[in-house]
Amino acid sequence: GLVQPGGSLRLSCAASGIFFSIYTMGWYRQAPEKQRELVATI
């Protein structure tokens, strides 16, 4: 969503069709005209 600087958001990712518990999961992001970059993995 849209937030002001200094604000907070909580993103969720619901997975299906995989054995979720055994895999590394991650968040990536891509800004306009930029390459996708790693944010975090778990």
PDB file of all heavy atoms in Angstrom:
ATOM      1  N   GLY A   1       0.809  -1.198   0.000  1.00  0.00           N
ATOM      2  CA  GLY A   1       0.000   0.000   0.000  1.00  0.00           C
ATOM      3  C   GLY A   1       0.843   1.249   0.000  1.00  0.00           C
ATOM      4  O   GLY A   1       2.053   1.206  -0.242  1.00  0.00           O
ATOM      5  N   LEU A   2       0.185   2.353   0.268  1.00  0.00           N
ATOM      6  CA  LEU A   2       0.821   3.666   0.314  1.00  0.00           C
ATOM      7  C   LEU A   2       1.004   4.086   1.762  1.00  0.00           C
ATOM      8  O   LEU A   2       0.038   4.090   2.539  1.00  0.00           O
ATOM      9  CB  LEU A   2      -0.042   4.687  -0.427  1.00  0.00           C
ATOM     10  CG  LEU A   2       0.394   6.149  -0.346  1.00  0.00           C
ATOM     11  CD1 LEU A   2       1.749   6.340  -1.023  1.00  0.00           C
ATOM     12  CD2 LEU A   2      -0.660   7.040  -0.985  1.00  0.00           C
ATOM     13  N   VAL A   3       2.227   4.440   2.117  1.00  0.00           N
ATOM     14  CA  VAL A   3       2.529   4.882   3.477  1.00  0.00           C
ATOM     15  C   VAL A   3       3.439   6.092   3.422  1.00  0.00           C
ATOM     16  O   VAL A   3       4.123   6.339   2.426  1.00  0.00           O
ATOM     17  CB  VAL A   3       3.196   3.776   4.321  1.00  0.00           C
ATOM     18  CG1 VAL A   3       2.262   2.593   4.490  1.00  0.00           C
ATOM     19  CG2 VAL A   3       4.507   3.339   3.687  1.00  0.00           C
ATOM     20  N   GLN A   4       3.443   6.847   4.507  1.00  0.00           N
ATOM     21  CA  GLN A   4       4.338   7.984   4.631  1.00  0.00           C
ATOM     22  C   GLN A   4       5.713   7.530   5.094  1.00  0.00           C
ATOM     23  O   GLN A   4       5.850   6.474   5.716  1.00  0.00           O
ATOM     24  CB  GLN A   4       3.766   9.000   5.618  1.00  0.00           C
ATOM     25  CG  GLN A   4       2.474   9.646   5.168  1.00  0.00           C
ATOM     26  CD  GLN A   4       1.956  10.664   6.164  1.00  0.00           C
ATOM     27  OE1 GLN A   4       2.387  10.701   7.311  1.00  0.00           O
ATOM     28  NE2 GLN A   4       1.027  11.492   5.726  1.00  0.00           N
ATOM     29  N   PRO A   5       6.747   8.294   4.785  1.00  0.00           N
ATOM     30  CA  PRO A   5       8.065   7.963   5.319  1.00  0.00           C
ATOM     31  C   PRO A   5       8.027   7.809   6.830  1.00  0.00           C
ATOM     32  O   PRO A   5       7.380   8.590   7.529  1.00  0.00           O
ATOM     33  CB  PRO A   5       8.926   9.151   4.898  1.00  0.00           C
ATOM     34  CG  PRO A   5       8.254   9.677   3.678  1.00  0.00           C
ATOM     35  CD  PRO A   5       6.778   9.474   3.917  1.00  0.00           C
ATOM     36  N   GLY A   6       8.702   6.782   7.317  1.00  0.00           N
ATOM     37  CA  GLY A   6       8.683   6.467   8.731  1.00  0.00           C
ATOM     38  C   GLY A   6       7.589   5.518   9.143  1.00  0.00           C
ATOM     39  O   GLY A   6       7.593   5.030  10.283  1.00  0.00           O
ATOM     40  N   GLY A   7       6.675   5.242   8.256  1.00  0.00           N
ATOM     41  CA  GLY A   7       5.575   4.349   8.548  1.00  0.00           C
ATOM     42  C   GLY A   7       5.956   2.891   8.444  1.00  0.00           C
ATOM     43  O   GLY A   7       7.106   2.542   8.171  1.00  0.00           O
ATOM     44  N   SER A   8       4.969   2.036   8.649  1.00  0.00           N
ATOM     45  CA  SER A   8       5.182   0.596   8.662  1.00  0.00           C
ATOM     46  C   SER A   8       4.156  -0.124   7.807  1.00  0.00           C
ATOM     47  O   SER A   8       3.021   0.341   7.640  1.00  0.00           O
ATOM     48  CB  SER A   8       5.097   0.046  10.092  1.00  0.00           C
ATOM     49  OG  SER A   8       6.107   0.582  10.923  1.00  0.00           O
ATOM     50  N   LEU A   9       4.569  -1.251   7.269  1.00  0.00           N
ATOM     51  CA  LEU A   9       3.687  -2.167   6.569  1.00  0.00           C
ATOM     52  C   LEU A   9       4.104  -3.585   6.912  1.00  0.00           C
ATOM     53  O   LEU A   9       5.276  -3.847   7.191  1.00  0.00           O
ATOM     54  CB  LEU A   9       3.752  -1.991   5.054  1.00  0.00           C
ATOM     55  CG  LEU A   9       3.047  -0.801   4.423  1.00  0.00           C
ATOM     56  CD1 LEU A   9       3.374  -0.754   2.936  1.00  0.00           C
ATOM     57  CD2 LEU A   9       1.548  -0.872   4.639  1.00  0.00           C
ATOM     58  N   ARG A  10       3.149  -4.486   6.874  1.00  0.00           N
ATOM     59  CA  ARG A  10       3.422  -5.897   7.055  1.00  0.00           C
ATOM     60  C   ARG A  10       2.932  -6.653   5.829  1.00  0.00           C
ATOM     61  O   ARG A  10       1.730  -6.713   5.582  1.00  0.00           O
ATOM     62  CB  ARG A  10       2.745  -6.442   8.307  1.00  0.00           C
ATOM     63  CG  ARG A  10       3.145  -7.875   8.662  1.00  0.00           C
ATOM     64  CD  ARG A  10       2.249  -8.425   9.738  1.00  0.00           C
ATOM     65  NE  ARG A  10       2.712  -9.693  10.284  1.00  0.00           N
ATOM     66  CZ  ARG A  10       1.896 -10.683  10.659  1.00  0.00           C
ATOM     67  NH1 ARG A  10       0.584 -10.540  10.553  1.00  0.00           N
ATOM     68  NH2 ARG A  10       2.413 -11.798  11.156  1.00  0.00           N
ATOM     69  N   LEU A  11       3.861  -7.222   5.086  1.00  0.00           N
ATOM     70  CA  LEU A  11       3.530  -8.009   3.919  1.00  0.00           C
ATOM     71  C   LEU A  11       3.365  -9.471   4.303  1.00  0.00           C
ATOM     72  O   LEU A  11       4.076  -9.979   5.163  1.00  0.00           O
ATOM     73  CB  LEU A  11       4.613  -7.889   2.854  1.00  0.00           C
ATOM     74  CG  LEU A  11       5.003  -6.480   2.404  1.00  0.00           C
ATOM     75  CD1 LEU A  11       6.023  -6.559   1.282  1.00  0.00           C
ATOM     76  CD2 LEU A  11       3.781  -5.683   1.979  1.00  0.00           C
ATOM     77  N   SER A  12       2.435 -10.131   3.641  1.00  0.00           N
ATOM     78  CA  SER A  12       2.210 -11.554   3.839  1.00  0.00           C
ATOM     79  C   SER A  12       2.308 -12.272   2.507  1.00  0.00           C
ATOM     80  O   SER A  12       1.958 -11.723   1.463  1.00  0.00           O
ATOM     81  CB  SER A  12       0.833 -11.810   4.456  1.00  0.00           C
ATOM     82  OG  SER A  12       0.716 -11.213   5.725  1.00  0.00           O
ATOM     83  N   CYS A  13       2.773 -13.495   2.551  1.00  0.00           N
ATOM     84  CA  CYS A  13       2.841 -14.352   1.369  1.00  0.00           C
ATOM     85  C   CYS A  13       2.296 -15.711   1.747  1.00  0.00           C
ATOM     86  O   CYS A  13       2.913 -16.427   2.552  1.00  0.00           O
ATOM     87  CB  CYS A  13       4.277 -14.461   0.859  1.00  0.00           C
ATOM     88  SG  CYS A  13       4.508 -15.678  -0.450  1.00  0.00           S
ATOM     89  N   ALA A  14       1.171 -16.049   1.181  1.00  0.00           N
ATOM     90  CA  ALA A  14       0.540 -17.340   1.424  1.00  0.00           C
ATOM     91  C   ALA A  14       0.925 -18.304   0.313  1.00  0.00           C
ATOM     92  O   ALA A  14       0.711 -18.018  -0.866  1.00  0.00           O
ATOM     93  CB  ALA A  14      -0.973 -17.190   1.504  1.00  0.00           C
ATOM     94  N   ALA A  15       1.483 -19.439   0.689  1.00  0.00           N
ATOM     95  CA  ALA A  15       1.968 -20.419  -0.269  1.00  0.00           C
ATOM     96  C   ALA A  15       1.062 -21.630  -0.311  1.00  0.00           C
ATOM     97  O   ALA A  15       0.517 -22.061   0.712  1.00  0.00           O
ATOM     98  CB  ALA A  15       3.387 -20.856   0.079  1.00  0.00           C
ATOM     99  N   SER A  16       0.923 -22.196  -1.490  1.00  0.00           N
ATOM    100  CA  SER A  16       0.192 -23.439  -1.662  1.00  0.00           C
ATOM    101  C   SER A  16       0.854 -24.248  -2.774  1.00  0.00           C
ATOM    102  O   SER A  16       1.545 -23.703  -3.630  1.00  0.00           O
ATOM    103  CB  SER A  16      -1.284 -23.183  -1.995  1.00  0.00           C
ATOM    104  OG  SER A  16      -1.412 -22.472  -3.217  1.00  0.00           O
ATOM    105  N   GLY A  17       0.657 -25.552  -2.734  1.00  0.00           N
ATOM    106  CA  GLY A  17       1.187 -26.419  -3.768  1.00  0.00           C
ATOM    107  C   GLY A  17       2.632 -26.839  -3.580  1.00  0.00           C
ATOM    108  O   GLY A  17       3.196 -27.484  -4.467  1.00  0.00           O
ATOM    109  N   ILE A  18       3.232 -26.468  -2.460  1.00  0.00           N
ATOM    110  CA  ILE A  18       4.598 -26.868  -2.152  1.00  0.00           C
ATOM    111  C   ILE A  18       4.675 -27.318  -0.699  1.00  0.00           C
ATOM    112  O   ILE A  18       3.791 -27.009   0.102  1.00  0.00           O
ATOM    113  CB  ILE A  18       5.620 -25.745  -2.401  1.00  0.00           C
ATOM    114  CG1 ILE A  18       5.295 -24.525  -1.527  1.00  0.00           C
ATOM    115  CG2 ILE A  18       5.677 -25.373  -3.868  1.00  0.00           C
ATOM    116  CD1 ILE A  18       6.351 -23.441  -1.566  1.00  0.00           C
ATOM    117  N   PHE A  19       5.738 -28.062  -0.393  1.00  0.00           N
ATOM    118  CA  PHE A  19       6.007 -28.403   0.996  1.00  0.00           C
ATOM    119  C   PHE A  19       6.693 -27.211   1.632  1.00  0.00           C
ATOM    120  O   PHE A  19       7.916 -27.138   1.753  1.00  0.00           O
ATOM    121  CB  PHE A  19       6.866 -29.658   1.075  1.00  0.00           C
ATOM    122  CG  PHE A  19       6.186 -30.896   0.578  1.00  0.00           C
ATOM    123  CD1 PHE A  19       6.532 -31.471  -0.626  1.00  0.00           C
ATOM    124  CD2 PHE A  19       5.180 -31.494   1.334  1.00  0.00           C
ATOM    125  CE1 PHE A  19       5.900 -32.615  -1.086  1.00  0.00           C
ATOM    126  CE2 PHE A  19       4.539 -32.639   0.891  1.00  0.00           C
ATOM    127  CZ  PHE A  19       4.898 -33.205  -0.325  1.00  0.00           C
ATOM    128  N   PHE A  20       5.887 -26.272   2.044  1.00  0.00           N
ATOM    129  CA  PHE A  20       6.356 -24.966   2.457  1.00  0.00           C
ATOM    130  C   PHE A  20       7.425 -25.026   3.535  1.00  0.00           C
ATOM    131  O   PHE A  20       8.413 -24.290   3.485  1.00  0.00           O
ATOM    132  CB  PHE A  20       5.158 -24.138   2.939  1.00  0.00           C
ATOM    133  CG  PHE A  20       5.516 -22.799   3.491  1.00  0.00           C
ATOM    134  CD1 PHE A  20       5.671 -21.713   2.645  1.00  0.00           C
ATOM    135  CD2 PHE A  20       5.694 -22.615   4.850  1.00  0.00           C
ATOM    136  CE1 PHE A  20       5.988 -20.462   3.145  1.00  0.00           C
ATOM    137  CE2 PHE A  20       6.010 -21.371   5.359  1.00  0.00           C
ATOM    138  CZ  PHE A  20       6.159 -20.292   4.502  1.00  0.00           C
ATOM    139  N   SER A  21       7.242 -25.885   4.506  1.00  0.00           N
ATOM    140  CA  SER A  21       8.069 -25.852   5.705  1.00  0.00           C
ATOM    141  C   SER A  21       9.534 -26.184   5.459  1.00  0.00           C
ATOM    142  O   SER A  21      10.374 -25.845   6.296  1.00  0.00           O
ATOM    143  CB  SER A  21       7.504 -26.802   6.765  1.00  0.00           C
ATOM    144  OG  SER A  21       7.551 -28.146   6.318  1.00  0.00           O
ATOM    145  N   ILE A  22       9.874 -26.809   4.348  1.00  0.00           N
ATOM    146  CA  ILE A  22      11.246 -27.268   4.135  1.00  0.00           C
ATOM    147  C   ILE A  22      12.071 -26.328   3.259  1.00  0.00           C
ATOM    148  O   ILE A  22      13.268 -26.556   3.096  1.00  0.00           O
ATOM    149  CB  ILE A  22      11.278 -28.683   3.534  1.00  0.00           C
ATOM    150  CG1 ILE A  22      10.774 -28.696   2.093  1.00  0.00           C
ATOM    151  CG2 ILE A  22      10.462 -29.646   4.389  1.00  0.00           C
ATOM    152  CD1 ILE A  22      10.918 -30.040   1.408  1.00  0.00           C
ATOM    153  N   TYR A  23      11.474 -25.302   2.723  1.00  0.00           N
ATOM    154  CA  TYR A  23      12.167 -24.460   1.756  1.00  0.00           C
ATOM    155  C   TYR A  23      12.523 -23.096   2.314  1.00  0.00           C
ATOM    156  O   TYR A  23      11.789 -22.519   3.110  1.00  0.00           O
ATOM    157  CB  TYR A  23      11.316 -24.276   0.502  1.00  0.00           C
ATOM    158  CG  TYR A  23      11.034 -25.560  -0.228  1.00  0.00           C
ATOM    159  CD1 TYR A  23       9.735 -26.017  -0.375  1.00  0.00           C
ATOM    160  CD2 TYR A  23      12.070 -26.318  -0.756  1.00  0.00           C
ATOM    161  CE1 TYR A  23       9.469 -27.205  -1.039  1.00  0.00           C
ATOM    162  CE2 TYR A  23      11.815 -27.506  -1.417  1.00  0.00           C
ATOM    163  CZ  TYR A  23      10.515 -27.948  -1.558  1.00  0.00           C
ATOM    164  OH  TYR A  23      10.261 -29.123  -2.213  1.00  0.00           O
ATOM    165  N   THR A  24      13.658 -22.612   1.851  1.00  0.00           N
ATOM    166  CA  THR A  24      13.997 -21.225   2.104  1.00  0.00           C
ATOM    167  C   THR A  24      13.018 -20.317   1.369  1.00  0.00           C
ATOM    168  O   THR A  24      12.704 -20.537   0.195  1.00  0.00           O
ATOM    169  CB  THR A  24      15.432 -20.927   1.646  1.00  0.00           C
ATOM    170  OG1 THR A  24      16.341 -21.659   2.468  1.00  0.00           O
ATOM    171  CG2 THR A  24      15.740 -19.446   1.748  1.00  0.00           C
ATOM    172  N   MET A  25      12.539 -19.320   2.070  1.00  0.00           N
ATOM    173  CA  MET A  25      11.639 -18.339   1.493  1.00  0.00           C
ATOM    174  C   MET A  25      12.316 -16.981   1.496  1.00  0.00           C
ATOM    175  O   MET A  25      13.199 -16.712   2.311  1.00  0.00           O
ATOM    176  CB  MET A  25      10.325 -18.266   2.280  1.00  0.00           C
ATOM    177  CG  MET A  25       9.578 -19.574   2.375  1.00  0.00           C
ATOM    178  SD  MET A  25       8.922 -20.125   0.770  1.00  0.00           S
ATOM    179  CE  MET A  25       7.713 -18.830   0.447  1.00  0.00           C
ATOM    180  N   GLY A  26      11.883 -16.138   0.592  1.00  0.00           N
ATOM    181  CA  GLY A  26      12.498 -14.829   0.514  1.00  0.00           C
ATOM    182  C   GLY A  26      11.553 -13.760   0.023  1.00  0.00           C
ATOM    183  O   GLY A  26      10.484 -14.045  -0.526  1.00  0.00           O
ATOM    184  N   TRP A  27      11.974 -12.538   0.265  1.00  0.00           N
ATOM    185  CA  TRP A  27      11.320 -11.375  -0.299  1.00  0.00           C
ATOM    186  C   TRP A  27      12.317 -10.633  -1.175  1.00  0.00           C
ATOM    187  O   TRP A  27      13.470 -10.415  -0.776  1.00  0.00           O
ATOM    188  CB  TRP A  27      10.801 -10.427   0.788  1.00  0.00           C
ATOM    189  CG  TRP A  27       9.594 -10.932   1.512  1.00  0.00           C
ATOM    190  CD1 TRP A  27       9.555 -11.599   2.693  1.00  0.00           C
ATOM    191  CD2 TRP A  27       8.238 -10.793   1.088  1.00  0.00           C
ATOM    192  NE1 TRP A  27       8.268 -11.891   3.040  1.00  0.00           N
ATOM    193  CE2 TRP A  27       7.433 -11.409   2.077  1.00  0.00           C
ATOM    194  CE3 TRP A  27       7.621 -10.213  -0.022  1.00  0.00           C
ATOM    195  CZ2 TRP A  27       6.039 -11.460   1.983  1.00  0.00           C
ATOM    196  CZ3 TRP A  27       6.236 -10.268  -0.115  1.00  0.00           C
ATOM    197  CH2 TRP A  27       5.466 -10.883   0.881  1.00  0.00           C
ATOM    198  N   TYR A  28      11.878 -10.276  -2.354  1.00  0.00           N
ATOM    199  CA  TYR A  28      12.643  -9.467  -3.286  1.00  0.00           C
ATOM    200  C   TYR A  28      11.814  -8.250  -3.653  1.00  0.00           C
ATOM    201  O   TYR A  28      10.604  -8.221  -3.437  1.00  0.00           O
ATOM    202  CB  TYR A  28      12.988 -10.262  -4.544  1.00  0.00           C
ATOM    203  CG  TYR A  28      13.976 -11.386  -4.328  1.00  0.00           C
ATOM    204  CD1 TYR A  28      13.623 -12.527  -3.620  1.00  0.00           C
ATOM    205  CD2 TYR A  28      15.269 -11.304  -4.850  1.00  0.00           C
ATOM    206  CE1 TYR A  28      14.527 -13.555  -3.421  1.00  0.00           C
ATOM    207  CE2 TYR A  28      16.178 -12.336  -4.663  1.00  0.00           C
ATOM    208  CZ  TYR A  28      15.795 -13.456  -3.951  1.00  0.00           C
ATOM    209  OH  TYR A  28      16.703 -14.474  -3.766  1.00  0.00           O
ATOM    210  N   ARG A  29      12.466  -7.269  -4.210  1.00  0.00           N
ATOM    211  CA  ARG A  29      11.730  -6.096  -4.652  1.00  0.00           C
ATOM    212  C   ARG A  29      12.313  -5.572  -5.953  1.00  0.00           C
ATOM    213  O   ARG A  29      13.481  -5.790  -6.265  1.00  0.00           O
ATOM    214  CB  ARG A  29      11.736  -4.998  -3.581  1.00  0.00           C
ATOM    215  CG  ARG A  29      13.101  -4.386  -3.293  1.00  0.00           C
ATOM    216  CD  ARG A  29      13.004  -3.443  -2.114  1.00  0.00           C
ATOM    217  NE  ARG A  29      14.276  -2.801  -1.811  1.00  0.00           N
ATOM    218  CZ  ARG A  29      14.489  -2.031  -0.756  1.00  0.00           C
ATOM    219  NH1 ARG A  29      13.510  -1.794   0.112  1.00  0.00           N
ATOM    220  NH2 ARG A  29      15.685  -1.485  -0.565  1.00  0.00           N
ATOM    221  N   GLN A  30      11.481  -4.885  -6.690  1.00  0.00           N
ATOM    222  CA  GLN A  30      11.889  -4.320  -7.961  1.00  0.00           C
ATOM    223  C   GLN A  30      11.250  -2.949  -8.127  1.00  0.00           C
ATOM    224  O   GLN A  30      10.028  -2.825  -8.177  1.00  0.00           O
ATOM    225  CB  GLN A  30      11.494  -5.227  -9.125  1.00  0.00           C
ATOM    226  CG  GLN A  30      12.036  -4.783 -10.465  1.00  0.00           C
ATOM    227  CD  GLN A  30      11.882  -5.853 -11.528  1.00  0.00           C
ATOM    228  OE1 GLN A  30      11.088  -6.769 -11.390  1.00  0.00           O
ATOM    229  NE2 GLN A  30      12.659  -5.737 -12.589  1.00  0.00           N
ATOM    230  N   ALA A  31      12.090  -1.954  -8.200  1.00  0.00           N
ATOM    231  CA  ALA A  31      11.642  -0.598  -8.458  1.00  0.00           C
ATOM    232  C   ALA A  31      11.550  -0.379  -9.962  1.00  0.00           C
ATOM    233  O   ALA A  31      12.171  -1.105 -10.748  1.00  0.00           O
ATOM    234  CB  ALA A  31      12.599   0.405  -7.825  1.00  0.00           C
ATOM    235  N   PRO A  32      10.777   0.620 -10.394  1.00  0.00           N
ATOM    236  CA  PRO A  32      10.657   0.883 -11.828  1.00  0.00           C
ATOM    237  C   PRO A  32      12.016   1.088 -12.482  1.00  0.00           C
ATOM    238  O   PRO A  32      12.871   1.807 -11.959  1.00  0.00           O
ATOM    239  CB  PRO A  32       9.814   2.155 -11.883  1.00  0.00           C
ATOM    240  CG  PRO A  32       9.003   2.120 -10.626  1.00  0.00           C
ATOM    241  CD  PRO A  32       9.917   1.512  -9.592  1.00  0.00           C
ATOM    242  N   GLU A  33      12.217   0.443 -13.591  1.00  0.00           N
ATOM    243  CA  GLU A  33      13.438   0.551 -14.387  1.00  0.00           C
ATOM    244  C   GLU A  33      14.667   0.000 -13.675  1.00  0.00           C
ATOM    245  O   GLU A  33      15.800   0.246 -14.110  1.00  0.00           O
ATOM    246  CB  GLU A  33      13.691   2.001 -14.812  1.00  0.00           C
ATOM    247  CG  GLU A  33      12.498   2.677 -15.469  1.00  0.00           C
ATOM    248  CD  GLU A  33      12.067   1.992 -16.747  1.00  0.00           C
ATOM    249  OE1 GLU A  33      12.946   1.430 -17.438  1.00  0.00           O
ATOM    250  OE2 GLU A  33      10.871   2.013 -17.056  1.00  0.00           O
ATOM    251  N   LYS A  34      14.462  -0.738 -12.598  1.00  0.00           N
ATOM    252  CA  LYS A  34      15.566  -1.324 -11.861  1.00  0.00           C
ATOM    253  C   LYS A  34      15.463  -2.845 -11.867  1.00  0.00           C
ATOM    254  O   LYS A  34      14.404  -3.414 -12.109  1.00  0.00           O
ATOM    255  CB  LYS A  34      15.589  -0.821 -10.414  1.00  0.00           C
ATOM    256  CG  LYS A  34      15.694   0.680 -10.279  1.00  0.00           C
ATOM    257  CD  LYS A  34      17.019   1.198 -10.796  1.00  0.00           C
ATOM    258  CE  LYS A  34      17.143   2.695 -10.562  1.00  0.00           C
ATOM    259  NZ  LYS A  34      18.430   3.223 -11.077  1.00  0.00           N
ATOM    260  N   GLN A  35      16.588  -3.493 -11.589  1.00  0.00           N
ATOM    261  CA  GLN A  35      16.603  -4.938 -11.486  1.00  0.00           C
ATOM    262  C   GLN A  35      16.022  -5.388 -10.149  1.00  0.00           C
ATOM    263  O   GLN A  35      16.060  -4.657  -9.157  1.00  0.00           O
ATOM    264  CB  GLN A  35      18.021  -5.479 -11.638  1.00  0.00           C
ATOM    265  CG  GLN A  35      18.604  -5.334 -13.030  1.00  0.00           C
ATOM    266  CD  GLN A  35      19.937  -6.038 -13.169  1.00  0.00           C
ATOM    267  OE1 GLN A  35      20.648  -6.246 -12.190  1.00  0.00           O
ATOM    268  NE2 GLN A  35      20.277  -6.403 -14.392  1.00  0.00           N
ATOM    269  N   ARG A  36      15.497  -6.592 -10.144  1.00  0.00           N
ATOM    270  CA  ARG A  36      14.995  -7.165  -8.912  1.00  0.00           C
ATOM    271  C   ARG A  36      16.151  -7.413  -7.949  1.00  0.00           C
ATOM    272  O   ARG A  36      17.218  -7.888  -8.349  1.00  0.00           O
ATOM    273  CB  ARG A  36      14.261  -8.468  -9.208  1.00  0.00           C
ATOM    274  CG  ARG A  36      13.477  -9.028  -8.044  1.00  0.00           C
ATOM    275  CD  ARG A  36      12.666 -10.245  -8.479  1.00  0.00           C
ATOM    276  NE  ARG A  36      11.743  -9.913  -9.556  1.00  0.00           N
ATOM    277  CZ  ARG A  36      10.916 -10.791 -10.121  1.00  0.00           C
ATOM    278  NH1 ARG A  36      10.892 -12.047  -9.713  1.00  0.00           N
ATOM    279  NH2 ARG A  36      10.119 -10.404 -11.095  1.00  0.00           N
ATOM    280  N   GLU A  37      15.948  -7.086  -6.688  1.00  0.00           N
ATOM    281  CA  GLU A  37      16.995  -7.240  -5.699  1.00  0.00           C
ATOM    282  C   GLU A  37      16.483  -7.982  -4.476  1.00  0.00           C
ATOM    283  O   GLU A  37      15.303  -7.916  -4.133  1.00  0.00           O
ATOM    284  CB  GLU A  37      17.556  -5.877  -5.276  1.00  0.00           C
ATOM    285  CG  GLU A  37      16.555  -4.984  -4.559  1.00  0.00           C
ATOM    286  CD  GLU A  37      17.170  -3.697  -4.051  1.00  0.00           C
ATOM    287  OE1 GLU A  37      18.414  -3.575  -4.062  1.00  0.00           O
ATOM    288  OE2 GLU A  37      16.413  -2.802  -3.627  1.00  0.00           O
ATOM    289  N   LEU A  38      17.399  -8.665  -3.822  1.00  0.00           N
ATOM    290  CA  LEU A  38      17.085  -9.386  -2.606  1.00  0.00           C
ATOM    291  C   LEU A  38      16.794  -8.420  -1.468  1.00  0.00           C
ATOM    292  O   LEU A  38      17.514  -7.444  -1.278  1.00  0.00           O
ATOM    293  CB  LEU A  38      18.247 -10.294  -2.219  1.00  0.00           C
ATOM    294  CG  LEU A  38      18.146 -10.996  -0.867  1.00  0.00           C
ATOM    295  CD1 LEU A  38      17.073 -12.078  -0.910  1.00  0.00           C
ATOM    296  CD2 LEU A  38      19.487 -11.593  -0.466  1.00  0.00           C
ATOM    297  N   VAL A  39      15.747  -8.710  -0.726  1.00  0.00           N
ATOM    298  CA  VAL A  39      15.432  -7.966   0.486  1.00  0.00           C
ATOM    299  C   VAL A  39      15.788  -8.787   1.718  1.00  0.00           C
ATOM    300  O   VAL A  39      16.518  -8.324   2.597  1.00  0.00           O
ATOM    301  CB  VAL A  39      13.946  -7.563   0.528  1.00  0.00           C
ATOM    302  CG1 VAL A  39      13.611  -6.869   1.849  1.00  0.00           C
ATOM    303  CG2 VAL A  39      13.610  -6.663  -0.656  1.00  0.00           C
ATOM    304  N   ALA A  40      15.266 -10.004   1.790  1.00  0.00           N
ATOM    305  CA  ALA A  40      15.495 -10.850   2.952  1.00  0.00           C
ATOM    306  C   ALA A  40      15.186 -12.289   2.607  1.00  0.00           C
ATOM    307  O   ALA A  40      14.364 -12.564   1.734  1.00  0.00           O
ATOM    308  CB  ALA A  40      14.635 -10.402   4.141  1.00  0.00           C
ATOM    309  N   THR A  41      15.839 -13.215   3.301  1.00  0.00           N
ATOM    310  CA  THR A  41      15.544 -14.633   3.166  1.00  0.00           C
ATOM    311  C   THR A  41      15.427 -15.254   4.548  1.00  0.00           C
ATOM    312  O   THR A  41      15.983 -14.747   5.523  1.00  0.00           O
ATOM    313  CB  THR A  41      16.614 -15.393   2.371  1.00  0.00           C
ATOM    314  OG1 THR A  41      17.879 -15.302   3.036  1.00  0.00           O
ATOM    315  CG2 THR A  41      16.734 -14.842   0.961  1.00  0.00           C
ATOM    316  N   ILE A  42      14.717 -16.372   4.598  1.00  0.00           N
ATOM    317  CA  ILE A  42      14.583 -17.113   5.836  1.00  0.00           C
ATOM    318  C   ILE A  42      14.583 -18.597   5.507  1.00  0.00           C
ATOM    319  O   ILE A  42      13.861 -19.051   4.623  1.00  0.00           O
ATOM    320  CB  ILE A  42      13.314 -16.696   6.618  1.00  0.00           C
ATOM    321  CG1 ILE A  42      13.215 -17.450   7.944  1.00  0.00           C
ATOM    322  CG2 ILE A  42      12.059 -16.890   5.772  1.00  0.00           C
ATOM    323  CD1 ILE A  42      12.181 -16.864   8.892  1.00  0.00           C
TER     324      ILE A  42
END
